[in-house]
C-alpha cells in the first residue's frame, strides 16, 4: 500500500471526513476501536467520548493550513483505516416477515440476499449467483436496509456534506430548498415538493435528495 493511501485524511476535507466511520488500532494492535468521527472544537474530528473502550482517543484529526485534515498527535502510535458507510438496518426476527431485498442471516452468521418468497413462505436466497431455497431452521434473523433519512418536518436541515436546507409547509404540502452549499456559499433554490401530509414522498424529490442523505435536523446530534 502506498504511503498516501495509508494517510487518506490528507486527501479529505473536514466536510468529507465528518461522520465517517474509522477503525483505529493502537498499542501495537492490542486495542482496536471503531467509531464515527464527530466534530469537536473548531474543525477537529474524533470520538464523541474522550475515552473509548478504556483508550483515551479524544481528538483524532484537525484541519491543516491547506484545508485538508491532519492527524493530531496521539499518546500512542495508531493505525487508522477508513471504513465504508454502512446503511442502517431494521432487524426482522420473525421469518414470516422477511421480504425480497432483505438479507437472510443464518444461525452460523452467513448472510445472503433474499431474492424471492415462495408461495408456501420459504426464502429463496442468492448464493454465488445462483438461487437456492434455504431451510427455515437455519434462520436467525434478517436485515432490512432502512431508507436514507430525508427531511420530514419544517425547519433547517443539513445533508451529509453540511449543505443547508430550509423546509416549510404550504397547506398540506412539505417543500424543501437548499440555501447553502457544502463549501459555505449561499444559494437560493430550487424549491422541491417532498410530499403531502399523510401521503408518500414525491419520488423525483427522493431520488434527487438520496445522494445527499442522510440528512440531520440542524444542530441535532447524530
N, C-alpha and C. Protein backbone atom coordinates (compact mmCIF):
# COMPACT_ATOMS: atom_id res chain seq x y z
N UNK A 1 0.85 -1.20 0.00
CA UNK A 1 0.00 0.00 0.00
C UNK A 1 0.88 1.25 0.00
N UNK A 2 0.53 2.19 -0.86
CA UNK A 2 1.29 3.43 -0.92
C UNK A 2 1.07 4.26 0.34
N UNK A 3 2.07 5.11 0.65
CA UNK A 3 2.00 5.91 1.87
C UNK A 3 0.80 6.84 1.85
N UNK A 4 0.46 7.44 0.67
CA UNK A 4 -0.65 8.38 0.64
C UNK A 4 -1.98 7.65 0.83
N UNK A 5 -2.04 6.33 0.51
CA UNK A 5 -3.25 5.56 0.77
C UNK A 5 -3.44 5.35 2.27
N UNK A 6 -2.32 5.15 2.99
CA UNK A 6 -2.40 4.97 4.43
C UNK A 6 -2.84 6.27 5.10
N UNK A 7 -2.44 7.40 4.55
CA UNK A 7 -2.78 8.70 5.12
C UNK A 7 -3.93 9.31 4.32
N UNK A 8 -5.05 8.59 4.26
CA UNK A 8 -6.21 9.00 3.45
C UNK A 8 -6.71 10.38 3.84
N UNK A 9 -6.56 10.76 5.12
CA UNK A 9 -7.09 12.02 5.60
C UNK A 9 -6.43 13.23 4.94
N UNK A 10 -5.22 13.05 4.39
CA UNK A 10 -4.55 14.16 3.74
C UNK A 10 -5.18 14.52 2.39
N UNK A 11 -6.10 13.68 1.92
CA UNK A 11 -6.83 13.97 0.68
C UNK A 11 -8.29 14.29 0.96
N UNK A 12 -8.64 14.52 2.23
CA UNK A 12 -10.03 14.74 2.60
C UNK A 12 -10.17 16.02 3.41
N UNK A 13 -11.26 16.73 3.14
CA UNK A 13 -11.55 17.94 3.90
C UNK A 13 -12.37 17.59 5.14
N UNK A 14 -12.59 18.59 5.99
CA UNK A 14 -13.40 18.40 7.19
C UNK A 14 -14.79 17.88 6.81
N UNK A 15 -15.42 18.50 5.81
CA UNK A 15 -16.78 18.10 5.41
C UNK A 15 -16.80 16.68 4.86
N UNK A 16 -15.75 16.27 4.15
CA UNK A 16 -15.71 14.93 3.58
C UNK A 16 -15.48 13.85 4.62
N UNK A 17 -14.75 14.17 5.67
CA UNK A 17 -14.40 13.17 6.68
C UNK A 17 -15.38 13.14 7.85
N UNK A 18 -16.10 14.24 8.04
CA UNK A 18 -17.05 14.32 9.15
C UNK A 18 -18.09 13.21 9.06
N UNK A 19 -18.34 12.55 10.20
CA UNK A 19 -19.35 11.50 10.35
C UNK A 19 -18.98 10.19 9.66
N UNK A 20 -17.76 10.08 9.12
CA UNK A 20 -17.32 8.80 8.55
C UNK A 20 -16.87 7.88 9.67
N UNK A 21 -16.91 6.59 9.40
CA UNK A 21 -16.51 5.58 10.37
C UNK A 21 -15.05 5.19 10.15
N UNK A 22 -14.31 5.02 11.26
CA UNK A 22 -12.91 4.62 11.18
C UNK A 22 -12.66 3.47 12.14
N UNK A 23 -11.62 2.69 11.81
CA UNK A 23 -11.13 1.65 12.72
C UNK A 23 -9.73 2.06 13.14
N UNK A 24 -9.52 2.17 14.43
CA UNK A 24 -8.24 2.62 14.98
C UNK A 24 -7.58 1.46 15.72
N UNK A 25 -6.38 1.11 15.30
CA UNK A 25 -5.58 0.10 16.01
C UNK A 25 -4.51 0.84 16.79
N UNK A 26 -4.39 0.52 18.06
CA UNK A 26 -3.44 1.21 18.92
C UNK A 26 -2.68 0.19 19.77
N UNK A 27 -1.60 0.67 20.39
CA UNK A 27 -0.79 -0.18 21.24
C UNK A 27 -0.37 -1.46 20.52
N UNK A 28 0.18 -1.30 19.32
CA UNK A 28 0.68 -2.46 18.59
C UNK A 28 -0.42 -3.38 18.12
N UNK A 29 -1.66 -2.86 18.00
CA UNK A 29 -2.76 -3.69 17.54
C UNK A 29 -3.53 -4.36 18.65
N UNK A 30 -3.08 -4.17 19.91
CA UNK A 30 -3.77 -4.81 21.03
C UNK A 30 -5.14 -4.20 21.28
N UNK A 31 -5.33 -2.93 20.90
CA UNK A 31 -6.59 -2.25 21.12
C UNK A 31 -7.14 -1.82 19.77
N UNK A 32 -8.32 -2.30 19.42
CA UNK A 32 -8.96 -1.94 18.16
C UNK A 32 -10.29 -1.29 18.46
N UNK A 33 -10.49 -0.08 17.92
CA UNK A 33 -11.70 0.70 18.16
C UNK A 33 -12.37 1.03 16.85
N UNK A 34 -13.67 1.05 16.84
CA UNK A 34 -14.43 1.52 15.69
C UNK A 34 -15.43 2.55 16.17
N UNK A 35 -15.46 3.71 15.51
CA UNK A 35 -16.41 4.75 15.91
C UNK A 35 -16.59 5.72 14.75
N UNK A 36 -17.64 6.54 14.86
CA UNK A 36 -17.94 7.55 13.86
C UNK A 36 -17.31 8.87 14.27
N UNK A 37 -16.62 9.50 13.34
CA UNK A 37 -15.93 10.76 13.63
C UNK A 37 -16.93 11.89 13.84
N UNK A 38 -16.84 12.56 14.97
CA UNK A 38 -17.75 13.65 15.29
C UNK A 38 -16.96 14.93 15.51
N UNK A 39 -17.56 16.08 15.20
CA UNK A 39 -16.85 17.36 15.32
C UNK A 39 -16.54 17.71 16.77
N UNK A 40 -15.38 18.35 16.95
CA UNK A 40 -15.00 18.89 18.25
C UNK A 40 -14.87 20.39 18.16
N UNK A 41 -13.97 20.96 18.94
CA UNK A 41 -13.75 22.41 18.91
C UNK A 41 -13.05 22.79 17.61
N UNK A 42 -13.59 23.78 16.92
CA UNK A 42 -13.03 24.15 15.63
C UNK A 42 -13.24 23.04 14.62
N UNK A 43 -12.41 22.98 13.61
CA UNK A 43 -12.51 21.93 12.61
C UNK A 43 -11.65 20.74 13.04
N UNK A 44 -12.11 20.06 14.10
CA UNK A 44 -11.45 18.85 14.59
C UNK A 44 -12.45 17.71 14.57
N UNK A 45 -11.93 16.49 14.47
CA UNK A 45 -12.78 15.30 14.42
C UNK A 45 -12.19 14.23 15.34
N UNK A 46 -13.08 13.50 16.00
CA UNK A 46 -12.61 12.43 16.87
C UNK A 46 -13.77 11.65 17.41
N UNK A 47 -13.56 11.02 18.58
CA UNK A 47 -14.60 10.24 19.22
C UNK A 47 -15.52 11.17 20.01
N UNK A 48 -16.80 10.80 20.05
CA UNK A 48 -17.75 11.61 20.83
C UNK A 48 -17.35 11.62 22.30
N UNK A 49 -16.92 10.47 22.81
CA UNK A 49 -16.46 10.38 24.19
C UNK A 49 -14.93 10.36 24.20
N UNK A 50 -14.34 11.03 25.17
CA UNK A 50 -12.89 11.12 25.22
C UNK A 50 -12.26 9.74 25.39
N UNK A 51 -12.89 8.88 26.18
CA UNK A 51 -12.39 7.53 26.41
C UNK A 51 -13.28 6.53 25.70
N UNK A 52 -12.72 5.73 24.80
CA UNK A 52 -13.46 4.70 24.07
C UNK A 52 -12.86 3.35 24.43
N UNK A 53 -13.68 2.49 25.04
CA UNK A 53 -13.22 1.16 25.44
C UNK A 53 -11.93 1.22 26.26
N UNK A 54 -11.84 2.23 27.13
CA UNK A 54 -10.69 2.36 28.00
C UNK A 54 -9.49 3.04 27.39
N UNK A 55 -9.59 3.44 26.12
CA UNK A 55 -8.46 4.07 25.44
C UNK A 55 -8.78 5.54 25.23
N UNK A 56 -7.89 6.42 25.68
CA UNK A 56 -8.08 7.85 25.51
C UNK A 56 -7.81 8.22 24.05
N UNK A 57 -8.87 8.59 23.32
CA UNK A 57 -8.70 8.92 21.91
C UNK A 57 -8.99 10.40 21.67
N UNK A 58 -10.13 10.89 22.15
CA UNK A 58 -10.46 12.30 22.01
C UNK A 58 -10.35 12.77 20.57
N UNK A 59 -9.60 13.85 20.37
CA UNK A 59 -9.41 14.41 19.03
C UNK A 59 -8.47 13.53 18.22
N UNK A 60 -8.91 13.20 16.99
CA UNK A 60 -8.09 12.35 16.13
C UNK A 60 -7.49 13.15 14.96
N UNK A 61 -8.30 14.03 14.37
CA UNK A 61 -7.85 14.83 13.23
C UNK A 61 -8.13 16.30 13.47
N UNK A 62 -7.32 17.15 12.84
CA UNK A 62 -7.58 18.59 12.83
C UNK A 62 -7.31 19.11 11.42
N UNK A 63 -7.92 20.23 11.09
CA UNK A 63 -7.77 20.80 9.76
C UNK A 63 -6.42 21.49 9.63
N UNK A 64 -5.70 21.16 8.55
CA UNK A 64 -4.40 21.77 8.31
C UNK A 64 -4.52 23.10 7.59
N UNK A 65 -3.39 23.77 7.40
CA UNK A 65 -3.39 25.07 6.74
C UNK A 65 -3.82 24.99 5.27
N UNK A 66 -3.68 23.79 4.67
CA UNK A 66 -4.05 23.63 3.26
C UNK A 66 -5.51 23.23 3.09
N UNK A 67 -6.25 23.13 4.21
CA UNK A 67 -7.67 22.78 4.13
C UNK A 67 -7.95 21.30 4.24
N UNK A 68 -6.90 20.47 4.21
CA UNK A 68 -7.07 19.04 4.35
C UNK A 68 -6.75 18.63 5.78
N UNK A 69 -7.24 17.45 6.18
CA UNK A 69 -7.13 17.04 7.58
C UNK A 69 -5.74 16.48 7.89
N UNK A 70 -5.32 16.70 9.12
CA UNK A 70 -4.05 16.19 9.60
C UNK A 70 -4.29 15.37 10.86
N UNK A 71 -3.42 14.41 11.09
CA UNK A 71 -3.53 13.57 12.28
C UNK A 71 -3.03 14.33 13.49
N UNK A 72 -3.85 14.40 14.53
CA UNK A 72 -3.45 15.04 15.77
C UNK A 72 -2.53 14.09 16.55
N UNK A 73 -1.52 14.64 17.16
CA UNK A 73 -0.56 13.82 17.91
C UNK A 73 -1.28 13.00 18.97
N UNK A 74 -1.01 11.69 18.98
CA UNK A 74 -1.64 10.78 19.93
C UNK A 74 -0.64 10.33 21.00
N UNK A 75 -1.20 9.82 22.09
CA UNK A 75 -0.35 9.38 23.20
C UNK A 75 0.38 8.08 22.86
N UNK A 76 -0.13 7.36 21.86
CA UNK A 76 0.49 6.10 21.45
C UNK A 76 0.37 5.99 19.94
N UNK A 77 1.26 5.22 19.29
CA UNK A 77 1.15 5.03 17.84
C UNK A 77 -0.20 4.42 17.48
N UNK A 78 -0.80 4.91 16.42
CA UNK A 78 -2.08 4.38 15.98
C UNK A 78 -2.05 4.10 14.49
N UNK A 79 -2.84 3.13 14.07
CA UNK A 79 -3.07 2.83 12.66
C UNK A 79 -4.55 3.05 12.40
N UNK A 80 -4.88 3.80 11.35
CA UNK A 80 -6.27 4.19 11.12
C UNK A 80 -6.71 3.72 9.75
N UNK A 81 -7.89 3.10 9.69
CA UNK A 81 -8.48 2.66 8.43
C UNK A 81 -9.85 3.29 8.28
N UNK A 82 -10.12 3.85 7.10
CA UNK A 82 -11.42 4.43 6.81
C UNK A 82 -12.37 3.32 6.41
N UNK A 83 -13.51 3.22 7.09
CA UNK A 83 -14.48 2.16 6.82
C UNK A 83 -15.57 2.67 5.88
N UNK A 84 -16.11 1.78 5.05
CA UNK A 84 -17.21 2.21 4.17
C UNK A 84 -18.45 2.53 4.97
N UNK A 85 -19.24 3.46 4.46
CA UNK A 85 -20.50 3.78 5.11
C UNK A 85 -21.42 2.58 5.05
N UNK A 86 -22.07 2.27 6.15
CA UNK A 86 -23.00 1.15 6.20
C UNK A 86 -24.40 1.67 6.41
N UNK A 87 -25.35 1.19 5.60
CA UNK A 87 -26.73 1.62 5.82
C UNK A 87 -27.26 1.08 7.14
N UNK A 88 -28.18 1.80 7.72
CA UNK A 88 -28.82 1.30 8.92
C UNK A 88 -29.81 0.22 8.54
N UNK A 89 -29.97 -0.75 9.42
CA UNK A 89 -30.84 -1.88 9.13
C UNK A 89 -31.91 -2.03 10.20
N UNK A 90 -33.07 -2.49 9.76
CA UNK A 90 -34.10 -2.92 10.68
C UNK A 90 -33.96 -4.43 10.82
N UNK A 91 -34.00 -4.93 12.05
CA UNK A 91 -33.83 -6.36 12.30
C UNK A 91 -35.19 -7.04 12.26
N UNK A 92 -35.32 -8.08 11.42
CA UNK A 92 -36.54 -8.85 11.30
C UNK A 92 -36.31 -10.19 12.01
N UNK A 93 -37.00 -10.42 13.12
CA UNK A 93 -36.77 -11.63 13.90
C UNK A 93 -37.75 -12.75 13.56
N UNK A 94 -38.86 -12.41 12.90
CA UNK A 94 -39.87 -13.40 12.52
C UNK A 94 -39.69 -13.72 11.04
N UNK A 95 -39.43 -14.97 10.73
CA UNK A 95 -39.16 -15.34 9.35
C UNK A 95 -40.35 -15.08 8.44
N UNK A 96 -41.56 -15.06 9.00
CA UNK A 96 -42.74 -14.80 8.17
C UNK A 96 -42.79 -13.34 7.71
N UNK A 97 -41.97 -12.49 8.32
CA UNK A 97 -41.94 -11.08 7.94
C UNK A 97 -40.86 -10.73 6.94
N UNK A 98 -40.08 -11.74 6.49
CA UNK A 98 -38.99 -11.50 5.56
C UNK A 98 -39.55 -11.19 4.17
N UNK A 99 -38.92 -10.23 3.47
CA UNK A 99 -39.34 -9.82 2.15
C UNK A 99 -38.16 -9.87 1.18
N UNK A 100 -38.44 -9.96 -0.14
CA UNK A 100 -37.35 -9.83 -1.12
C UNK A 100 -36.61 -8.51 -0.91
N UNK A 101 -35.29 -8.56 -0.99
CA UNK A 101 -34.48 -7.38 -0.74
C UNK A 101 -33.87 -7.38 0.65
N UNK A 102 -34.42 -8.20 1.57
CA UNK A 102 -33.83 -8.33 2.90
C UNK A 102 -32.56 -9.17 2.81
N UNK A 103 -31.79 -9.17 3.90
CA UNK A 103 -30.60 -10.01 4.00
C UNK A 103 -30.88 -11.12 5.00
N UNK A 104 -30.84 -12.37 4.54
CA UNK A 104 -31.09 -13.54 5.38
C UNK A 104 -29.82 -13.85 6.16
N UNK A 105 -29.90 -13.86 7.49
CA UNK A 105 -28.75 -14.15 8.34
C UNK A 105 -28.96 -15.51 8.98
N UNK A 106 -28.06 -16.44 8.67
CA UNK A 106 -28.16 -17.78 9.23
C UNK A 106 -27.67 -17.83 10.68
N UNK A 107 -27.98 -18.93 11.35
CA UNK A 107 -27.53 -19.10 12.73
C UNK A 107 -26.01 -19.17 12.82
N UNK A 108 -25.33 -19.54 11.72
CA UNK A 108 -23.87 -19.58 11.73
C UNK A 108 -23.24 -18.25 11.33
N UNK A 109 -24.10 -17.22 11.07
CA UNK A 109 -23.60 -15.88 10.74
C UNK A 109 -23.52 -15.58 9.26
N UNK A 110 -23.69 -16.58 8.39
CA UNK A 110 -23.66 -16.32 6.95
C UNK A 110 -24.83 -15.43 6.55
N UNK A 111 -24.59 -14.57 5.56
CA UNK A 111 -25.61 -13.63 5.12
C UNK A 111 -25.84 -13.77 3.62
N UNK A 112 -27.12 -13.83 3.23
CA UNK A 112 -27.46 -13.99 1.83
C UNK A 112 -28.63 -13.07 1.48
N UNK A 113 -28.58 -12.39 0.32
CA UNK A 113 -29.70 -11.55 -0.09
C UNK A 113 -30.91 -12.41 -0.48
N UNK A 114 -32.08 -12.00 -0.02
CA UNK A 114 -33.31 -12.72 -0.32
C UNK A 114 -33.82 -12.27 -1.69
N UNK A 115 -33.98 -13.25 -2.60
CA UNK A 115 -34.44 -12.95 -3.95
C UNK A 115 -35.96 -13.07 -4.09
N UNK A 116 -36.53 -14.03 -3.39
CA UNK A 116 -37.95 -14.33 -3.59
C UNK A 116 -38.49 -15.07 -2.38
N UNK A 117 -39.79 -14.93 -2.15
CA UNK A 117 -40.50 -15.72 -1.14
C UNK A 117 -41.46 -16.63 -1.89
N UNK A 118 -41.36 -17.94 -1.66
CA UNK A 118 -42.22 -18.89 -2.37
C UNK A 118 -43.66 -18.79 -1.87
N UNK A 119 -44.58 -19.40 -2.63
CA UNK A 119 -46.00 -19.36 -2.26
C UNK A 119 -46.24 -20.00 -0.90
N UNK A 120 -45.40 -20.98 -0.52
CA UNK A 120 -45.57 -21.61 0.79
C UNK A 120 -44.70 -20.95 1.87
N UNK A 121 -44.14 -19.76 1.56
CA UNK A 121 -43.49 -18.95 2.59
C UNK A 121 -42.02 -19.20 2.82
N UNK A 122 -41.36 -19.95 1.95
CA UNK A 122 -39.93 -20.21 2.13
C UNK A 122 -39.09 -19.17 1.40
N UNK A 123 -37.87 -18.95 1.91
CA UNK A 123 -36.99 -17.93 1.35
C UNK A 123 -36.07 -18.52 0.29
N UNK A 124 -36.00 -17.84 -0.85
CA UNK A 124 -35.03 -18.16 -1.88
C UNK A 124 -33.95 -17.09 -1.83
N UNK A 125 -32.71 -17.52 -1.66
CA UNK A 125 -31.62 -16.58 -1.50
C UNK A 125 -30.59 -16.75 -2.61
N UNK A 126 -29.76 -15.72 -2.78
CA UNK A 126 -28.73 -15.73 -3.81
C UNK A 126 -27.40 -16.15 -3.19
N UNK A 127 -26.85 -17.26 -3.72
CA UNK A 127 -25.55 -17.76 -3.27
C UNK A 127 -24.69 -18.03 -4.50
N UNK A 128 -23.59 -17.30 -4.63
CA UNK A 128 -22.68 -17.47 -5.77
C UNK A 128 -23.42 -17.39 -7.10
N UNK A 129 -24.26 -16.35 -7.23
CA UNK A 129 -25.00 -16.05 -8.47
C UNK A 129 -26.10 -17.07 -8.78
N UNK A 130 -26.36 -17.99 -7.86
CA UNK A 130 -27.44 -18.96 -8.05
C UNK A 130 -28.47 -18.81 -6.93
N UNK A 131 -29.72 -19.13 -7.25
CA UNK A 131 -30.80 -19.01 -6.28
C UNK A 131 -31.08 -20.36 -5.65
N UNK A 132 -31.13 -20.37 -4.31
CA UNK A 132 -31.37 -21.61 -3.56
C UNK A 132 -32.46 -21.38 -2.52
N UNK A 133 -33.21 -22.45 -2.24
CA UNK A 133 -34.14 -22.42 -1.11
C UNK A 133 -33.35 -22.72 0.15
N UNK A 134 -33.58 -21.95 1.19
CA UNK A 134 -32.83 -22.12 2.43
C UNK A 134 -33.76 -22.60 3.53
N UNK A 135 -33.29 -23.52 4.34
CA UNK A 135 -34.13 -24.12 5.38
C UNK A 135 -34.51 -23.11 6.45
N UNK A 136 -35.75 -23.17 6.89
CA UNK A 136 -36.22 -22.24 7.91
C UNK A 136 -35.44 -22.38 9.21
N UNK A 137 -34.98 -23.60 9.54
CA UNK A 137 -34.29 -23.80 10.82
C UNK A 137 -32.89 -23.18 10.81
N UNK A 138 -32.43 -22.72 9.63
CA UNK A 138 -31.14 -22.02 9.56
C UNK A 138 -31.30 -20.53 9.81
N UNK A 139 -32.54 -20.06 9.96
CA UNK A 139 -32.82 -18.63 10.11
C UNK A 139 -32.51 -18.15 11.52
N UNK A 140 -31.73 -17.09 11.61
CA UNK A 140 -31.52 -16.43 12.89
C UNK A 140 -32.28 -15.10 12.92
N UNK A 141 -32.05 -14.28 11.89
CA UNK A 141 -32.79 -13.03 11.72
C UNK A 141 -32.53 -12.52 10.31
N UNK A 142 -33.22 -11.47 9.94
CA UNK A 142 -32.99 -10.84 8.64
C UNK A 142 -32.75 -9.36 8.86
N UNK A 143 -32.04 -8.75 7.92
CA UNK A 143 -31.74 -7.33 7.96
C UNK A 143 -32.43 -6.64 6.79
N UNK A 144 -33.09 -5.53 7.08
CA UNK A 144 -33.77 -4.76 6.03
C UNK A 144 -33.16 -3.37 5.99
N UNK A 145 -32.49 -3.02 4.89
CA UNK A 145 -31.88 -1.68 4.82
C UNK A 145 -32.93 -0.60 5.04
N UNK A 146 -32.64 0.30 5.97
CA UNK A 146 -33.55 1.40 6.23
C UNK A 146 -33.38 2.47 5.16
N UNK A 147 -34.47 3.09 4.75
CA UNK A 147 -34.34 4.17 3.76
C UNK A 147 -33.52 5.31 4.32
N UNK A 148 -32.72 5.93 3.45
CA UNK A 148 -31.90 7.06 3.88
C UNK A 148 -32.79 8.18 4.40
N UNK A 149 -32.39 8.78 5.49
CA UNK A 149 -33.23 9.80 6.11
C UNK A 149 -33.24 11.08 5.27
N UNK A 150 -34.44 11.54 4.94
CA UNK A 150 -34.61 12.83 4.28
C UNK A 150 -35.53 13.68 5.15
N UNK A 151 -35.52 15.00 5.00
CA UNK A 151 -36.32 15.88 5.86
C UNK A 151 -37.80 15.50 5.86
N UNK A 152 -38.38 15.50 7.06
CA UNK A 152 -39.78 15.11 7.20
C UNK A 152 -40.60 16.10 8.01
N UNK A 153 -40.00 17.26 8.34
CA UNK A 153 -40.73 18.28 9.08
C UNK A 153 -40.10 19.64 8.81
N UNK A 154 -40.83 20.72 9.03
CA UNK A 154 -40.29 22.06 8.77
C UNK A 154 -39.09 22.38 9.65
N UNK A 155 -38.21 23.23 9.13
CA UNK A 155 -37.04 23.66 9.88
C UNK A 155 -35.81 23.68 8.99
N UNK A 156 -34.65 23.84 9.61
CA UNK A 156 -33.38 23.81 8.90
C UNK A 156 -32.77 22.42 8.97
N UNK A 157 -32.28 21.92 7.84
CA UNK A 157 -31.69 20.60 7.76
C UNK A 157 -30.32 20.69 7.10
N UNK A 158 -29.42 19.77 7.48
CA UNK A 158 -28.11 19.66 6.87
C UNK A 158 -27.97 18.30 6.21
N UNK A 159 -27.33 18.27 5.02
CA UNK A 159 -27.08 16.97 4.39
C UNK A 159 -25.74 16.43 4.88
N UNK A 160 -25.32 15.29 4.34
CA UNK A 160 -24.12 14.62 4.85
C UNK A 160 -22.84 15.41 4.61
N UNK A 161 -22.91 16.40 3.68
CA UNK A 161 -21.73 17.22 3.38
C UNK A 161 -21.84 18.63 3.93
N UNK A 162 -22.80 18.85 4.85
CA UNK A 162 -23.01 20.13 5.52
C UNK A 162 -23.70 21.17 4.65
N UNK A 163 -24.31 20.76 3.53
CA UNK A 163 -25.18 21.67 2.81
C UNK A 163 -26.40 21.97 3.68
N UNK A 164 -26.91 23.21 3.61
CA UNK A 164 -28.01 23.63 4.48
C UNK A 164 -29.28 23.84 3.66
N UNK A 165 -30.40 23.39 4.21
CA UNK A 165 -31.69 23.45 3.53
C UNK A 165 -32.75 24.02 4.46
N UNK A 166 -33.73 24.68 3.89
CA UNK A 166 -34.89 25.10 4.66
C UNK A 166 -36.09 24.29 4.18
N UNK A 167 -36.88 23.82 5.12
CA UNK A 167 -38.07 23.01 4.83
C UNK A 167 -39.27 23.72 5.44
N UNK A 168 -40.34 23.84 4.67
CA UNK A 168 -41.53 24.54 5.16
C UNK A 168 -42.80 23.85 4.66
N UNK A 169 -43.90 24.17 5.33
CA UNK A 169 -45.20 23.64 4.92
C UNK A 169 -45.99 24.72 4.20
N UNK A 170 -46.68 24.30 3.15
CA UNK A 170 -47.61 25.16 2.43
C UNK A 170 -48.92 24.40 2.36
N UNK A 171 -49.82 24.71 3.28
CA UNK A 171 -51.03 23.91 3.41
C UNK A 171 -50.67 22.52 3.89
N UNK A 172 -51.02 21.50 3.12
CA UNK A 172 -50.67 20.13 3.47
C UNK A 172 -49.40 19.64 2.77
N UNK A 173 -48.75 20.53 2.05
CA UNK A 173 -47.56 20.14 1.30
C UNK A 173 -46.28 20.53 2.05
N UNK A 174 -45.26 19.67 1.93
CA UNK A 174 -43.95 19.91 2.54
C UNK A 174 -42.95 20.17 1.42
N UNK A 175 -42.25 21.32 1.51
CA UNK A 175 -41.31 21.75 0.47
C UNK A 175 -39.91 21.89 1.05
N UNK A 176 -38.91 21.78 0.18
CA UNK A 176 -37.51 21.92 0.59
C UNK A 176 -36.76 22.77 -0.42
N UNK A 177 -35.80 23.56 0.08
CA UNK A 177 -34.96 24.37 -0.80
C UNK A 177 -33.57 24.50 -0.17
N UNK A 178 -32.53 24.25 -0.96
CA UNK A 178 -31.18 24.41 -0.46
C UNK A 178 -30.82 25.88 -0.41
N UNK A 179 -30.22 26.31 0.71
CA UNK A 179 -29.87 27.72 0.87
C UNK A 179 -28.37 27.93 1.08
N UNK A 180 -27.61 26.85 1.31
CA UNK A 180 -26.16 26.98 1.45
C UNK A 180 -25.49 25.72 0.94
N UNK A 181 -24.45 25.87 0.13
CA UNK A 181 -23.72 24.73 -0.38
C UNK A 181 -22.74 24.23 0.68
N UNK A 182 -22.18 23.03 0.43
CA UNK A 182 -21.28 22.43 1.42
C UNK A 182 -20.01 23.23 1.63
N UNK A 183 -19.62 24.05 0.63
CA UNK A 183 -18.41 24.88 0.78
C UNK A 183 -18.70 26.22 1.44
N UNK A 184 -19.96 26.43 1.90
CA UNK A 184 -20.30 27.65 2.62
C UNK A 184 -20.93 28.73 1.77
N UNK A 185 -20.97 28.55 0.46
CA UNK A 185 -21.57 29.57 -0.40
C UNK A 185 -23.09 29.53 -0.29
N UNK A 186 -23.70 30.70 -0.20
CA UNK A 186 -25.15 30.79 -0.08
C UNK A 186 -25.79 30.71 -1.45
N UNK A 187 -26.96 30.11 -1.51
CA UNK A 187 -27.65 29.93 -2.77
C UNK A 187 -29.16 30.04 -2.53
N UNK A 188 -29.93 29.91 -3.58
CA UNK A 188 -31.38 30.08 -3.46
C UNK A 188 -32.08 29.13 -4.42
N UNK A 189 -32.43 27.94 -3.91
CA UNK A 189 -33.29 27.05 -4.67
C UNK A 189 -32.56 26.00 -5.48
N UNK A 190 -33.36 25.31 -6.29
CA UNK A 190 -34.81 25.48 -6.48
C UNK A 190 -35.62 24.82 -5.37
N UNK A 191 -36.89 25.18 -5.28
CA UNK A 191 -37.79 24.58 -4.31
C UNK A 191 -38.32 23.26 -4.86
N UNK A 192 -38.35 22.23 -4.02
CA UNK A 192 -38.81 20.90 -4.43
C UNK A 192 -39.91 20.43 -3.50
N UNK A 193 -40.93 19.80 -4.06
CA UNK A 193 -42.02 19.24 -3.26
C UNK A 193 -41.60 17.89 -2.70
N UNK A 194 -41.59 17.78 -1.37
CA UNK A 194 -41.27 16.50 -0.74
C UNK A 194 -42.50 15.59 -0.77
N UNK A 195 -43.65 16.11 -0.39
CA UNK A 195 -44.86 15.32 -0.39
C UNK A 195 -45.96 16.01 0.38
N UNK A 196 -47.08 15.35 0.47
CA UNK A 196 -48.22 15.88 1.21
C UNK A 196 -48.40 15.11 2.51
N UNK A 197 -48.96 15.77 3.51
CA UNK A 197 -49.18 15.15 4.80
C UNK A 197 -50.01 13.89 4.65
N UNK A 198 -49.52 12.79 5.21
CA UNK A 198 -50.26 11.54 5.15
C UNK A 198 -50.09 10.76 3.86
N UNK A 199 -49.26 11.28 2.93
CA UNK A 199 -49.03 10.60 1.67
C UNK A 199 -47.55 10.29 1.50
N UNK A 200 -47.26 9.44 0.53
CA UNK A 200 -45.86 9.11 0.26
C UNK A 200 -45.12 10.34 -0.27
N UNK A 201 -43.79 10.32 -0.08
CA UNK A 201 -42.98 11.43 -0.57
C UNK A 201 -42.96 11.42 -2.08
N UNK A 202 -42.62 12.56 -2.66
CA UNK A 202 -42.50 12.70 -4.11
C UNK A 202 -41.29 11.89 -4.59
N UNK A 203 -41.52 10.96 -5.51
CA UNK A 203 -40.46 10.06 -5.95
C UNK A 203 -39.29 10.81 -6.58
N UNK A 204 -39.57 11.84 -7.38
CA UNK A 204 -38.50 12.58 -8.05
C UNK A 204 -37.65 13.34 -7.04
N UNK A 205 -38.28 13.88 -6.00
CA UNK A 205 -37.53 14.57 -4.96
C UNK A 205 -36.68 13.59 -4.16
N UNK A 206 -37.24 12.44 -3.83
CA UNK A 206 -36.49 11.42 -3.10
C UNK A 206 -35.24 11.02 -3.87
N UNK A 207 -35.36 10.82 -5.17
CA UNK A 207 -34.21 10.45 -6.00
C UNK A 207 -33.19 11.58 -6.01
N UNK A 208 -33.66 12.82 -6.06
CA UNK A 208 -32.75 13.97 -6.09
C UNK A 208 -31.99 14.12 -4.78
N UNK A 209 -32.63 13.81 -3.66
CA UNK A 209 -32.02 14.01 -2.35
C UNK A 209 -31.24 12.79 -1.86
N UNK A 210 -31.48 11.61 -2.44
CA UNK A 210 -30.92 10.38 -1.90
C UNK A 210 -29.38 10.41 -1.88
N UNK A 211 -28.77 11.04 -2.90
CA UNK A 211 -27.30 11.08 -2.94
C UNK A 211 -26.73 12.00 -1.87
N UNK A 212 -27.57 12.84 -1.27
CA UNK A 212 -27.11 13.77 -0.25
C UNK A 212 -27.49 13.31 1.16
N UNK A 213 -28.22 12.21 1.25
CA UNK A 213 -28.65 11.67 2.54
C UNK A 213 -27.50 10.88 3.18
N UNK A 214 -27.55 10.67 4.51
CA UNK A 214 -28.65 11.03 5.40
C UNK A 214 -28.63 12.49 5.81
N UNK A 215 -29.82 13.05 5.96
CA UNK A 215 -29.97 14.41 6.46
C UNK A 215 -30.11 14.37 7.98
N UNK A 216 -29.78 15.48 8.61
CA UNK A 216 -29.98 15.61 10.05
C UNK A 216 -30.60 16.99 10.31
N UNK A 217 -31.48 17.02 11.29
CA UNK A 217 -32.09 18.30 11.68
C UNK A 217 -30.98 19.20 12.19
N UNK A 218 -31.00 20.47 11.83
CA UNK A 218 -29.92 21.40 12.15
C UNK A 218 -29.63 21.39 13.65
N UNK A 219 -28.32 21.20 13.99
CA UNK A 219 -27.84 21.17 15.37
C UNK A 219 -28.27 19.91 16.10
N UNK A 220 -28.81 18.90 15.37
CA UNK A 220 -29.21 17.65 16.00
C UNK A 220 -28.01 16.74 16.13
N UNK A 221 -27.87 16.08 17.28
CA UNK A 221 -26.78 15.14 17.48
C UNK A 221 -27.04 13.87 16.67
N UNK A 222 -25.99 13.33 16.07
CA UNK A 222 -26.14 12.07 15.34
C UNK A 222 -25.88 10.91 16.28
